[in-house]
Protein backbone atom coordinates (compact mmCIF):
# COMPACT_ATOMS: atom_id res chain seq x y z
CA UNK A 1 116.03 108.80 98.17
CA UNK A 2 113.16 108.63 95.72
CA UNK A 3 109.95 106.82 96.56
CA UNK A 4 110.28 104.53 93.57
CA UNK A 5 113.66 103.41 94.81
CA UNK A 6 112.35 102.70 98.26
CA UNK A 7 109.35 100.72 97.10
CA UNK A 8 111.20 98.60 94.56
CA UNK A 9 111.63 94.97 95.49
CA UNK A 10 115.33 94.61 94.91
CA UNK A 11 116.42 91.47 93.15
CA UNK A 12 119.30 91.14 95.57
CA UNK A 13 116.87 91.00 98.49
CA UNK A 14 115.25 87.94 97.02
CA UNK A 15 118.50 86.36 95.89
CA UNK A 16 120.02 86.45 99.35
CA UNK A 17 116.97 85.12 101.20
CA UNK A 18 117.85 81.88 102.97
CA UNK A 19 115.90 79.24 104.79
CA UNK A 20 116.56 78.46 108.41
CA UNK A 21 114.54 76.02 110.45
CA UNK A 22 116.24 76.83 113.74
CA UNK A 23 115.36 80.42 114.42
CA UNK A 24 112.27 82.47 115.15
CA UNK A 25 111.59 83.34 111.51
CA UNK A 26 114.68 85.50 111.69
CA UNK A 27 116.31 84.43 108.46
CA UNK A 28 119.34 86.59 107.65
CA UNK A 29 117.96 88.26 104.54
CA UNK A 30 121.38 89.79 103.95
CA UNK A 31 124.38 87.93 105.32
CA UNK A 32 126.80 90.55 106.56
CA UNK A 33 128.83 91.52 103.47
CA UNK A 34 132.60 91.73 103.69
CA UNK A 35 132.68 94.35 100.90
CA UNK A 36 129.99 96.65 102.30
CA UNK A 37 131.92 99.87 101.72
CA UNK A 38 129.75 102.32 99.76
CA UNK A 39 126.88 104.70 100.38
CA UNK A 40 125.01 103.07 97.49
CA UNK A 41 125.12 99.71 99.29
CA UNK A 42 123.71 101.31 102.43
CA UNK A 43 120.92 102.89 100.37
CA UNK A 44 120.16 99.53 98.76
CA UNK A 45 119.91 97.87 102.15
CA UNK A 46 117.64 100.70 103.37
CA UNK A 47 115.35 100.13 100.40
CA UNK A 48 115.03 96.52 101.54
CA UNK A 49 114.06 97.69 105.03
CA UNK A 50 111.30 99.89 103.61
CA UNK A 51 110.11 97.16 101.26
CA UNK A 52 108.48 95.23 104.10
CA UNK A 53 105.84 97.98 104.39
CA UNK A 54 104.45 97.05 100.97
CA UNK A 55 103.91 93.37 101.71
CA UNK A 56 100.37 92.01 101.61
CA UNK A 57 100.29 91.33 105.35
CA UNK A 58 101.24 94.94 106.09
CA UNK A 59 99.90 97.83 104.03
CA UNK A 60 99.14 95.85 100.89
CA UNK A 61 96.01 94.65 102.69
CA UNK A 62 96.56 93.29 106.18
CA UNK A 63 96.92 96.49 108.20
CA UNK A 64 93.84 98.12 106.72
CA UNK A 65 92.01 94.86 106.01
CA UNK A 66 92.06 91.38 107.43
CA UNK A 67 94.32 91.99 110.46
CA UNK A 68 92.54 95.09 111.77
CA UNK A 69 89.09 95.40 110.17
CA UNK A 70 87.30 93.23 112.72
CA UNK A 71 85.97 96.18 114.71
CA UNK A 72 82.91 98.43 114.72
CA UNK A 73 83.43 100.44 111.53
CA UNK A 74 83.19 98.01 108.62
CA UNK A 75 82.55 94.39 107.75
CA UNK A 76 83.44 92.11 104.87
CA UNK A 77 80.35 91.50 102.79
CA UNK A 78 79.56 88.02 101.50
CA UNK A 79 81.08 86.03 104.36
CA UNK A 80 79.13 83.28 106.11
CA UNK A 81 79.45 81.53 109.44
CA UNK A 82 81.62 78.96 107.68
CA UNK A 83 84.04 81.48 106.18
CA UNK A 84 87.49 81.39 107.81
CA UNK A 85 89.19 84.78 107.88
CA UNK A 86 91.57 86.51 110.26
CA UNK A 87 89.18 89.43 110.77
CA UNK A 88 86.33 87.06 111.64
CA UNK A 89 88.11 85.80 114.78
CA UNK A 90 87.82 82.14 113.81
CA UNK A 91 91.37 81.23 112.76
CA UNK A 92 93.86 78.88 114.38
CA UNK A 93 97.43 79.58 115.42
CA UNK A 94 98.66 78.03 112.17
CA UNK A 95 96.86 80.61 110.00
CA UNK A 96 99.16 81.62 107.12
CA UNK A 97 98.43 85.36 107.25
CA UNK A 98 99.48 85.50 110.90
CA UNK A 99 102.66 83.53 110.24
CA UNK A 100 103.60 85.73 107.29
CA UNK A 101 102.85 88.91 109.21
CA UNK A 102 105.18 87.80 112.04
CA UNK A 103 107.83 86.66 109.57
CA UNK A 104 107.80 89.89 107.55
CA UNK A 105 108.15 92.05 110.65
CA UNK A 106 111.18 90.11 111.84
CA UNK A 107 112.62 90.19 108.33
CA UNK A 108 112.29 93.98 108.37
CA UNK A 109 113.95 94.20 111.79
CA UNK A 110 116.79 91.93 110.64
CA UNK A 111 117.42 93.98 107.51
CA UNK A 112 117.62 97.10 109.65
CA UNK A 113 120.03 95.40 112.06
CA UNK A 114 122.33 94.39 109.19
CA UNK A 115 122.37 97.97 107.95
CA UNK A 116 123.05 99.38 111.42
CA UNK A 117 125.91 96.91 111.90
CA UNK A 118 127.78 98.28 108.88
CA UNK A 119 126.50 101.85 108.60
CA UNK A 120 129.72 103.38 109.95
CA UNK A 121 132.01 101.57 107.47
CA UNK A 122 131.65 103.54 104.21
CA UNK A 123 133.45 106.83 103.74
CA UNK A 124 130.65 109.32 103.14
CA UNK A 125 129.07 112.57 104.26
CA UNK A 126 128.17 112.27 107.96
CA UNK A 127 124.81 113.98 107.57
CA UNK A 128 123.83 111.47 104.89
CA UNK A 129 125.12 108.60 107.07
CA UNK A 130 123.08 109.81 110.05
CA UNK A 131 119.98 110.11 107.90
CA UNK A 132 120.29 106.48 106.76
CA UNK A 133 121.06 105.36 110.31
CA UNK A 134 118.07 107.23 111.74
CA UNK A 135 115.66 105.78 109.19
CA UNK A 136 116.88 102.23 109.87
CA UNK A 137 116.64 102.69 113.66
CA UNK A 138 113.13 104.04 113.35
CA UNK A 139 111.92 101.34 110.97
CA UNK A 140 113.27 98.54 113.18
CA UNK A 141 111.53 100.10 116.18
CA UNK A 142 108.32 100.50 114.15
CA UNK A 143 108.33 96.83 113.17
CA UNK A 144 108.67 95.94 116.85
CA UNK A 145 105.76 98.28 117.59
CA UNK A 146 103.60 96.31 115.16
CA UNK A 147 104.79 93.07 116.79
CA UNK A 148 104.10 94.13 120.39
CA UNK A 149 100.70 95.67 119.65
CA UNK A 150 99.51 92.58 117.80
CA UNK A 151 101.23 89.75 119.68
CA UNK A 152 102.05 91.17 123.13
CA UNK A 153 105.34 89.87 124.55
CA UNK A 154 107.68 89.05 121.65
CA UNK A 155 111.35 88.11 121.28
CA UNK A 156 113.34 91.34 121.15
CA UNK A 157 116.28 90.64 118.88
CA UNK A 158 118.86 93.20 117.78
CA UNK A 159 121.78 90.80 117.44
CA UNK A 160 122.47 89.71 113.88
CA UNK A 161 121.31 86.21 113.02
CA UNK A 162 124.77 85.51 111.60
CA UNK A 163 126.26 86.22 115.04
CA UNK A 164 123.96 83.89 116.93
CA UNK A 165 125.61 80.59 116.14
CA UNK A 166 123.01 77.91 116.88
CA UNK A 167 121.29 79.75 119.73
CA UNK A 168 118.05 80.68 118.02
CA UNK A 169 115.73 79.68 120.87
CA UNK A 170 114.78 83.18 122.04
CA UNK A 171 112.21 83.72 124.80
CA UNK A 172 109.58 86.43 124.71
CA UNK A 173 110.47 89.85 126.10
CA UNK A 174 107.82 91.54 128.30
CA UNK A 175 105.74 94.03 126.33
CA UNK A 176 106.68 96.90 128.63
CA UNK A 177 110.36 96.35 127.86
CA UNK A 178 109.68 96.12 124.14
CA UNK A 179 107.78 99.41 124.29
CA UNK A 180 110.65 101.06 126.12
CA UNK A 181 113.09 99.85 123.47
CA UNK A 182 110.83 101.30 120.77
CA UNK A 183 110.63 104.68 122.50
CA UNK A 184 114.38 104.78 123.13
CA UNK A 185 115.24 103.89 119.52
CA UNK A 186 112.79 106.33 118.00
CA UNK A 187 113.98 109.07 120.31
CA UNK A 188 117.58 108.50 119.18
CA UNK A 189 116.50 108.42 115.53
CA UNK A 190 114.56 111.67 115.65
CA UNK A 191 117.45 114.18 115.33
CA UNK A 192 119.25 112.04 112.74
CA UNK A 193 116.65 112.07 109.98
CA UNK A 194 115.69 114.92 107.68
CA UNK A 195 112.70 117.21 108.04
CA UNK A 196 109.71 116.60 105.79
CA UNK A 197 110.45 119.90 104.05
CA UNK A 198 113.87 118.54 103.13
CA UNK A 199 112.53 115.27 101.72
CA UNK A 200 109.47 116.83 100.08
CA UNK A 201 107.51 113.59 100.49
CA UNK A 202 105.71 111.68 103.27
CA UNK A 203 106.93 108.34 101.89
CA UNK A 204 110.32 108.66 103.60
CA UNK A 205 110.86 108.64 107.37
CA UNK A 206 111.33 112.21 108.59
CA UNK A 207 111.42 113.97 111.95
CA UNK A 208 107.69 114.52 111.61
CA UNK A 209 107.12 110.79 111.12
CA UNK A 210 109.27 109.90 114.13
CA UNK A 211 107.60 112.48 116.39
CA UNK A 212 104.09 111.48 115.30
CA UNK A 213 104.78 107.79 115.76
CA UNK A 214 106.25 108.43 119.20
CA UNK A 215 102.90 109.98 120.14
CA UNK A 216 101.09 106.84 118.97
CA UNK A 217 103.55 104.50 120.69
CA UNK A 218 103.23 106.39 123.98
CA UNK A 219 99.43 106.41 123.78
CA UNK A 220 99.47 102.65 123.19
CA UNK A 221 101.81 102.06 126.13
CA UNK A 222 99.72 104.30 128.38
CA UNK A 223 96.61 102.27 127.64
CA UNK A 224 95.57 98.64 127.97
CA UNK A 225 97.25 96.16 128.53
CA UNK A 226 100.50 97.83 129.71
CA UNK A 227 98.66 100.73 131.39
CA UNK A 228 101.72 102.89 131.98
CA UNK A 229 99.75 106.11 132.56
CA UNK A 230 102.93 108.21 132.81
CA UNK A 231 103.32 107.84 129.05
CA UNK A 232 100.36 110.17 128.44
CA UNK A 233 102.60 113.08 129.43
CA UNK A 234 105.37 111.86 127.13
CA UNK A 235 102.83 111.53 124.32
CA UNK A 236 101.74 115.10 124.97
CA UNK A 237 105.35 116.32 124.84
CA UNK A 238 106.04 114.69 121.49
CA UNK A 239 102.72 115.93 120.09
CA UNK A 240 103.57 119.47 121.16
CA UNK A 241 106.99 119.20 119.54
CA UNK A 242 105.38 118.25 116.24
CA UNK A 243 102.52 120.76 116.41
CA UNK A 244 104.69 123.73 117.41
CA UNK A 245 107.19 122.94 114.64
CA UNK A 246 104.53 124.39 112.29
CA UNK A 247 105.55 121.82 109.71
CA UNK A 248 101.97 120.58 109.34
CA UNK A 249 98.37 121.71 109.22
CA UNK A 250 95.07 120.22 108.15
CA UNK A 251 94.25 120.58 104.47
CA UNK A 252 91.87 123.54 104.31
CA UNK A 253 91.14 123.53 100.58
CA UNK A 254 90.37 120.84 98.00
CA UNK A 255 92.96 119.49 95.61
CA UNK A 256 92.93 122.02 92.72
CA UNK A 257 92.44 119.20 90.21
CA UNK A 258 89.29 118.12 92.13
CA UNK A 259 87.70 121.43 93.20
CA UNK A 260 84.27 119.94 93.89
CA UNK A 261 85.54 117.56 96.57
CA UNK A 262 85.81 118.46 100.28
CA UNK A 263 89.15 119.52 101.75
CA UNK A 264 89.00 116.33 103.84
CA UNK A 265 89.28 114.29 100.64
CA UNK A 266 92.50 115.90 99.46
CA UNK A 267 94.85 113.56 101.31
CA UNK A 268 93.05 110.44 100.07
CA UNK A 269 93.00 111.61 96.46
CA UNK A 270 96.72 112.23 96.86
CA UNK A 271 97.10 108.66 98.13
CA UNK A 272 95.48 107.33 94.98
CA UNK A 273 97.61 109.59 92.77
CA UNK A 274 101.00 108.84 94.35
CA UNK A 275 101.22 112.54 95.29
CA UNK A 276 101.73 113.45 91.62
CA UNK A 277 99.67 116.66 91.79
CA UNK A 278 100.48 117.49 95.40
CA UNK A 279 103.49 116.47 97.54
CA UNK A 280 101.00 115.86 100.38
CA UNK A 281 103.34 117.07 103.13
CA UNK A 282 100.89 119.52 104.69
CA UNK A 283 98.63 116.99 106.37
CA UNK A 284 100.44 113.84 105.34
CA UNK A 285 103.16 112.72 107.73
CA UNK A 286 104.11 109.16 106.77
CA UNK A 287 102.78 106.94 103.97
CA UNK A 288 103.52 103.42 102.84
CA UNK A 289 104.34 103.90 99.15
CA UNK A 290 103.16 101.72 96.28
CA UNK A 291 103.53 101.54 92.54
CA UNK A 292 101.89 98.94 90.34
CA UNK A 293 103.58 96.55 87.93
CA UNK A 294 101.93 95.44 84.73
CA UNK A 295 102.71 92.82 82.12
CA UNK A 296 101.19 95.15 79.58
CA UNK A 297 102.78 98.17 77.97
CA UNK A 298 102.84 101.39 79.93
CA UNK A 299 104.77 103.64 82.26
CA UNK A 300 105.37 101.03 84.97
CA UNK A 301 105.54 97.88 82.86
CA UNK A 302 108.20 95.37 83.90
CA UNK A 303 109.81 97.76 86.40
CA UNK A 304 109.85 95.29 89.26
CA UNK A 305 107.54 97.21 91.57
CA UNK A 306 105.63 94.94 93.96
CA UNK A 307 102.01 94.31 93.01
CA UNK A 308 100.44 94.06 96.44
CA UNK A 309 98.13 97.02 97.05
CA UNK A 310 94.39 96.31 96.93
CA UNK A 311 93.19 99.56 98.48
CA UNK A 312 90.52 101.00 96.20
CA UNK A 313 89.96 97.64 94.53
CA UNK A 314 88.94 95.53 97.53
CA UNK A 315 88.09 98.40 99.85
CA UNK A 316 86.55 100.86 97.40
CA UNK A 317 83.43 102.08 95.62
CA UNK A 318 81.62 99.18 93.98
CA UNK A 319 82.33 99.12 90.25
CA UNK A 320 82.18 96.33 87.63
CA UNK A 321 84.78 98.06 85.43
CA UNK A 322 87.09 95.07 85.09
CA UNK A 323 88.69 95.79 81.72
CA UNK A 324 92.06 97.51 81.55
CA UNK A 325 90.71 100.42 79.51
CA UNK A 326 87.58 101.03 81.62
CA UNK A 327 87.14 104.70 82.61
CA UNK A 328 86.70 103.79 86.28
CA UNK A 329 88.74 100.97 87.80
CA UNK A 330 87.22 97.77 89.12
CA UNK A 331 86.25 97.46 92.77
CA UNK A 332 84.42 94.62 94.42
CA UNK A 333 83.09 96.97 97.10
CA UNK A 334 83.69 94.11 99.53
CA UNK A 335 84.08 96.27 102.63
CA UNK A 336 80.74 97.66 103.75
CA UNK A 337 79.93 100.08 106.53
CA UNK A 338 78.32 99.43 109.87
CA UNK A 339 75.13 101.35 110.56
CA UNK A 340 76.69 102.47 113.88
CA UNK A 341 79.40 104.42 112.08
CA UNK A 342 77.07 105.83 109.43
CA UNK A 343 74.78 107.33 112.06
CA UNK A 344 77.69 108.67 114.08
CA UNK A 345 78.08 111.59 111.64
CA UNK A 346 76.09 114.76 112.31
CA UNK A 347 74.23 116.59 109.51
CA UNK A 348 76.67 118.66 107.50
CA UNK A 349 79.73 116.56 108.30
CA UNK A 350 81.48 116.30 104.93
CA UNK A 351 83.52 113.29 105.98
CA UNK A 352 80.56 110.91 105.88
CA UNK A 353 79.79 110.97 102.17
CA UNK A 354 83.48 110.85 101.29
CA UNK A 355 84.45 107.97 103.58
CA UNK A 356 81.12 106.16 103.09
CA UNK A 357 80.21 106.25 99.42
CA UNK A 358 76.65 107.43 98.65
CA UNK A 359 76.87 105.96 95.16
CA UNK A 360 78.11 102.95 93.19
CA UNK A 361 78.88 102.20 89.54
CA UNK A 362 76.70 99.64 87.77
CA UNK A 363 78.16 99.68 84.26
CA UNK A 364 81.46 100.20 82.44
CA UNK A 365 81.08 103.98 82.24
CA UNK A 366 81.60 106.84 84.64
CA UNK A 367 77.88 106.96 85.42
CA UNK A 368 77.20 107.00 89.14
CA UNK A 369 74.07 105.50 90.63
CA UNK A 370 72.78 106.92 93.89
CA UNK A 371 72.41 104.35 96.64
CA UNK A 372 69.61 106.41 98.22
CA UNK A 373 69.18 110.15 97.81
CA UNK A 374 66.39 112.56 98.69
CA UNK A 375 65.72 115.05 95.88
CA UNK A 376 64.22 118.44 96.82
CA UNK A 377 63.27 120.32 93.65
CA UNK A 378 61.38 123.52 93.03
CA UNK A 379 59.94 125.81 95.66
CA UNK A 380 61.97 128.81 94.55
CA UNK A 381 64.90 128.19 96.90
CA UNK A 382 68.29 126.51 96.82
CA UNK A 383 70.62 124.38 98.91
CA UNK A 384 68.26 122.16 100.87
CA UNK A 385 69.42 118.58 101.39
CA UNK A 386 68.06 115.70 103.40
CA UNK A 387 68.99 112.14 104.38
CA UNK A 388 66.59 109.20 104.28
CA UNK A 389 66.92 106.58 107.00
CA UNK A 390 65.52 103.12 106.42
CA UNK A 391 64.30 100.20 108.47
CA UNK A 392 65.68 96.64 108.15
CA UNK A 393 62.96 95.90 105.60
CA UNK A 394 63.99 98.86 103.45
CA UNK A 395 61.06 101.06 104.39
CA UNK A 396 61.94 104.75 104.67
CA UNK A 397 61.44 105.34 108.37
CA UNK A 398 62.41 109.01 108.66
CA UNK A 399 64.06 111.87 106.79
CA UNK A 400 66.62 114.13 108.44
CA UNK A 401 67.22 117.69 107.23
CA UNK A 402 70.94 118.13 106.66
CA UNK A 403 70.85 121.61 105.11
CA UNK A 404 67.66 123.72 105.24
CA UNK A 405 68.71 125.84 102.28
CA UNK A 406 67.33 129.34 101.75
CA UNK A 407 64.92 131.40 99.70
CA UNK A 408 62.08 128.87 99.51
CA UNK A 409 58.68 130.44 98.83
CA UNK A 410 56.84 127.12 98.74
CA UNK A 411 57.50 123.53 99.64
CA UNK A 412 59.83 121.76 97.19
CA UNK A 413 58.78 118.49 95.62
CA UNK A 414 60.26 115.40 97.27
CA UNK A 415 61.43 112.39 95.26
CA UNK A 416 63.94 109.58 95.74
CA UNK A 417 66.86 108.29 93.67
CA UNK A 418 67.92 104.79 94.69
CA UNK A 419 69.50 101.60 93.40
CA UNK A 420 66.43 99.71 94.66
CA UNK A 421 63.09 100.31 96.35
CA UNK A 422 59.63 101.50 95.41
CA UNK A 423 56.59 103.19 96.83
CA UNK A 424 58.05 105.87 99.11
CA UNK A 425 56.59 109.38 99.20
CA UNK A 426 57.12 112.44 101.38
CA UNK A 427 56.21 116.11 101.68
CA UNK A 428 58.41 119.03 102.68
CA UNK A 429 57.62 121.81 105.13
CA UNK A 430 58.97 125.34 104.60
CA UNK A 431 59.20 128.06 107.25
CA UNK A 432 60.99 131.38 106.86
CA UNK A 433 62.35 130.42 103.46
CA UNK A 434 64.01 127.26 104.80
CA UNK A 435 63.04 123.61 104.58
CA UNK A 436 62.39 122.66 108.20
CA UNK A 437 61.05 119.13 107.79
CA UNK A 438 60.37 116.36 105.31
CA UNK A 439 57.58 114.07 106.45
CA UNK A 440 57.22 110.51 105.18
CA UNK A 441 53.72 109.87 103.80
CA UNK A 442 54.46 106.42 102.34
CA UNK A 443 57.36 104.32 103.60
CA UNK A 444 57.72 102.09 100.56
CA UNK A 445 59.87 98.97 100.68
CA UNK A 446 63.16 97.39 99.59
CA UNK A 447 65.16 100.61 99.71
CA UNK A 448 68.90 100.32 100.50
CA UNK A 449 70.21 100.76 104.04
CA UNK A 450 73.55 101.92 105.46
CA UNK A 451 74.81 98.35 105.00
CA UNK A 452 74.59 98.79 101.21
CA UNK A 453 77.19 101.56 101.28
CA UNK A 454 80.80 100.64 100.44
CA UNK A 455 83.89 102.33 101.83
CA UNK A 456 84.64 105.30 99.58
CA UNK A 457 87.72 106.87 101.13
CA UNK A 458 90.08 105.80 98.34
CA UNK A 459 88.44 106.08 94.90
CA UNK A 460 89.85 104.58 91.73
CA UNK A 461 88.27 107.26 89.57
CA UNK A 462 91.20 109.48 90.65
CA UNK A 463 93.91 107.03 89.51
CA UNK A 464 96.42 108.59 87.16
CA UNK A 465 97.57 105.33 85.56
CA UNK A 466 96.92 105.35 81.86
CA UNK A 467 94.33 102.70 80.85
CA UNK A 468 96.96 100.32 79.44
CA UNK A 469 98.52 99.77 82.87
CA UNK A 470 95.44 99.69 85.07
CA UNK A 471 95.15 96.38 86.86
CA UNK A 472 91.83 94.88 87.85
CA UNK A 473 92.57 93.90 91.45
CA UNK A 474 95.54 96.12 92.35
CA UNK A 475 96.20 99.82 92.59
CA UNK A 476 99.19 102.05 93.25
CA UNK A 477 97.46 103.78 96.16
CA UNK A 478 99.69 104.94 99.00
CA UNK A 479 98.49 104.24 102.52
CA UNK A 480 98.54 106.94 105.24
CA UNK A 481 100.25 105.24 108.18
CA UNK A 482 99.87 108.41 110.25
CA UNK A 483 98.65 111.92 109.45
CA UNK A 484 98.30 115.26 111.20
CA UNK A 485 94.63 114.95 112.19
CA UNK A 486 95.52 111.80 114.15
CA UNK A 487 98.23 113.71 116.04
CA UNK A 488 95.83 116.55 116.91
CA UNK A 489 93.29 114.09 118.34
CA UNK A 490 95.93 112.16 120.27
CA UNK A 491 97.28 115.45 121.69
CA UNK A 492 93.76 116.38 122.79
CA UNK A 493 93.22 112.96 124.35
CA UNK A 494 96.57 112.96 126.18
CA UNK A 495 95.74 116.37 127.65
CA UNK A 496 92.34 115.10 128.81
CA UNK A 497 93.86 111.98 130.38
CA UNK A 498 96.45 114.05 132.26
CA UNK A 499 94.19 116.85 133.50
CA UNK A 500 90.78 115.21 133.83
CA UNK A 501 89.22 118.02 131.82
CA UNK A 502 90.72 119.32 128.58
CA UNK A 503 92.71 122.53 128.50
CA UNK A 504 91.80 125.35 126.11
CA UNK A 505 94.67 124.25 123.89
CA UNK A 506 93.35 120.68 123.73
CA UNK A 507 89.87 121.97 122.89
CA UNK A 508 91.41 123.99 120.05
CA UNK A 509 93.10 120.88 118.62
CA UNK A 510 89.81 118.98 118.82
CA UNK A 511 87.92 121.87 117.18
CA UNK A 512 90.41 122.15 114.32
CA UNK A 513 89.45 118.64 113.26
CA UNK A 514 85.73 119.41 113.62
CA UNK A 515 85.88 122.67 111.68
CA UNK A 516 87.46 121.05 108.66
CA UNK A 517 84.87 118.26 108.85
CA UNK A 518 82.11 120.82 108.33
CA UNK A 519 83.86 122.59 105.48
CA UNK A 520 85.32 125.45 107.49
CA UNK A 521 88.86 126.75 107.92
CA UNK A 522 90.51 124.60 110.62
CA UNK A 523 92.35 127.57 112.15
CA UNK A 524 89.37 129.96 112.31
CA UNK A 525 87.03 129.74 115.35
CA UNK A 526 83.47 128.80 114.44
CA UNK A 527 80.58 129.40 116.84
CA UNK A 528 78.41 126.93 114.89
CA UNK A 529 80.90 124.05 115.07
CA UNK A 530 83.22 124.61 118.03
CA UNK A 531 82.66 122.89 121.37
CA UNK A 532 83.67 124.27 124.77
CA UNK A 533 84.87 120.92 126.10
CA UNK A 534 84.90 117.23 125.24
CA UNK A 535 84.83 113.87 127.00
CA UNK A 536 86.63 110.58 126.50
CA UNK A 537 83.56 109.33 124.63
CA UNK A 538 83.70 112.37 122.36
CA UNK A 539 87.33 111.56 121.52
CA UNK A 540 86.42 107.94 120.81
CA UNK A 541 83.66 109.01 118.43
CA UNK A 542 85.65 111.76 116.74
CA UNK A 543 88.56 109.43 116.05
CA UNK A 544 86.17 106.99 114.41
CA UNK A 545 84.62 109.70 112.24
CA UNK A 546 87.97 111.20 111.22
CA UNK A 547 90.15 108.08 110.91
CA UNK A 548 87.66 105.38 109.89
CA UNK A 549 89.11 102.55 107.75
CA UNK A 550 92.70 103.75 108.32
CA UNK A 551 93.65 100.73 110.41
CA UNK A 552 93.64 102.38 113.85
CA UNK A 553 90.18 101.63 115.24
CA UNK A 554 90.83 98.12 116.58
CA UNK A 555 94.05 99.27 118.26
CA UNK A 556 92.21 102.25 119.75
CA UNK A 557 89.44 100.05 121.15
CA UNK A 558 92.02 97.69 122.65
CA UNK A 559 94.02 100.43 124.36
CA UNK A 560 90.78 101.89 125.71
CA UNK A 561 89.72 98.43 126.95
CA UNK A 562 86.57 98.78 124.83
CA UNK A 563 86.80 96.19 122.05
CA UNK A 564 84.46 93.66 123.64
CA UNK A 565 81.86 96.30 124.52
CA UNK A 566 82.08 97.81 121.03
CA UNK A 567 81.41 94.45 119.41
CA UNK A 568 78.51 93.79 121.76
CA UNK A 569 77.00 97.06 120.52
CA UNK A 570 77.52 95.87 116.94
CA UNK A 571 75.62 92.66 117.75
CA UNK A 572 72.68 94.67 119.06
CA UNK A 573 72.79 97.21 116.22
CA UNK A 574 72.91 94.56 113.50
CA UNK A 575 70.03 92.66 115.11
CA UNK A 576 67.93 95.84 115.20
CA UNK A 577 68.87 97.52 111.92
CA UNK A 578 70.40 95.17 109.36
CA UNK A 579 68.32 93.63 106.56
CA UNK A 580 68.24 89.85 106.54
CA UNK A 581 70.64 89.80 103.58
CA UNK A 582 73.36 91.41 105.73
CA UNK A 583 72.63 89.88 109.13
CA UNK A 584 75.29 87.17 108.97
CA UNK A 585 78.07 89.08 107.23
CA UNK A 586 77.67 92.12 109.51
CA UNK A 587 77.57 90.14 112.75
CA UNK A 588 79.85 87.10 112.36
CA UNK A 589 83.02 88.87 113.55
CA UNK A 590 81.26 90.38 116.55
CA UNK A 591 79.66 87.06 117.47
CA UNK A 592 82.97 85.19 117.35
CA UNK A 593 84.88 87.82 119.32
CA UNK A 594 82.28 88.24 122.06
CA UNK A 595 82.03 84.47 122.55
CA UNK A 596 85.74 84.22 123.30
CA UNK A 597 87.02 87.73 123.86
CA UNK A 598 90.18 87.25 125.95
CA UNK A 599 91.59 84.98 123.28
CA UNK A 600 91.19 87.59 120.54
CA UNK A 601 92.74 90.54 122.33
CA UNK A 602 96.05 89.39 120.79
CA UNK A 603 96.96 87.41 117.71
CA UNK A 604 98.34 83.92 118.30
CA UNK A 605 102.07 83.35 118.22
CA UNK A 606 102.46 81.38 114.96
CA UNK A 607 102.48 77.66 115.67
CA UNK A 608 105.55 77.16 113.46
CA UNK A 609 107.54 79.58 115.63
CA UNK A 610 106.71 77.68 118.81
CA UNK A 611 107.72 74.46 117.08
CA UNK A 612 111.07 75.96 116.13
CA UNK A 613 111.75 77.76 119.41
CA UNK A 614 110.23 76.03 122.47
CA UNK A 615 111.25 79.00 124.65
CA UNK A 616 108.40 80.97 123.02
CA UNK A 617 105.11 80.50 124.85
CA UNK A 618 101.65 80.87 123.34
CA UNK A 619 99.19 83.68 124.07
CA UNK A 620 96.24 82.87 126.39
CA UNK A 621 93.40 80.98 124.77
CA UNK A 622 95.38 79.72 121.78
């Protein structure tokens, strides 16, 4: 099944949507057909099951933006205390995004149930039938995983809506039972689906996707609030199954078409390019796939693809390039980075300046403008780099050597490139041919801080759309639902949780992620990068550095029981380090959550669902 077929919003899906005021948003998107007798019909229904992934409330924006971004990595710039947004923890139970998120997940589960009800009818190859069946089973279980992790206890419904008569008043099923259903269904689906080598793409559910997601599901169930610690061992078993399959490894080299980018960036450039130059099955495991639609002429014009993805446009490098033929696509740069995350990266970690953009665009060209860069020129040597840190007033408070370089016979001249600020000066110190220090002699003022840096993980400059089809506010960027680095870190964490101290194997998994971060081969031991052991706090920090902005941080903090503490740290960090222009935007989510934390551990059950089905109770605090 091709990605374009999966992502297409089928006209029949819309045509058969019905309205029902009795049930729990479980409208029968497809009434059970009496003529459902062909493999093509099964494939069409499966496309409708996948289509839910591309909705705005899922990976079009919600599951990397407003549903999950209220944590300690990023904040939405420009908001005030009066702004009402899901990620600011100030919504009510009637908030439309929450209602649509709930509705879409149940729609996806219902579509899968319809398919599974008729999957054995057509005469077809049994391997192909099992592959369709396995994908549908997995996707239904995945939609329930999103429901249980965001809402807690939820109605667990596998019976077709058309078979329910008038009994739509379903009670909530305990979260532990929902989790067990998810694990059971995914386990049954795993041998039915193809390998990722057979599909050649991470945009279709494969055995790798099922195994990786089982690791994540088990880690969630092992943590808060279910706290079934036995699931750490099951998570470890599934992680080992995936790792020892040798189907995946971390990208160790850049994308050939972008040789000057770090190997870490390869997957994200692939996301933006719809895997055109690279099938992305080495590190990629499962992506939500997107293609853009345009009313203009061009390759994708009037094809019916859903226009929902805002990754790169809303969460992207700031650029005013709004016209369709601009060389770099528009981005509002709305999502900015918390100082806590920026300073979490060690010198030499290549992930920082890819995930957190050190530049912006200020005109309709490809010219980049440094946010704040230390220039070290002259002195006879090469390679020295340094990072300037600023105070809340924009004074340069200190300069950190990130690479001492080599071959310096005298101190290089120090200057600054920045989008704002004046008056700073510094001198370099050279010892043994290396730059060992840069000392601030004049702090200056009004220089940018970490809060001025936008998220840069997905960059529109790598889009392959021809100018005629580029949209201002939408992209065709795929979203990495889960990738191999995540599995390695979860395997390391599960081992630590089981044994109390990590095994040598777990340390190797952890070090593979670190080595790649510092530009080294992930599989080759490195005395300068490798650690001998790691703690739970190390895992928490490494997951944030590696997976930032990928929609997993809030869920991680919740399963660790650390969300409230993390947001208290954000309050303190913003108060101490943010300029006055960012104080409100960077702290409003933390302030609202800390003031009423138990309420915001889960989303509210949509008020309309409680009105329709009185057997559904509301979450605490709502």
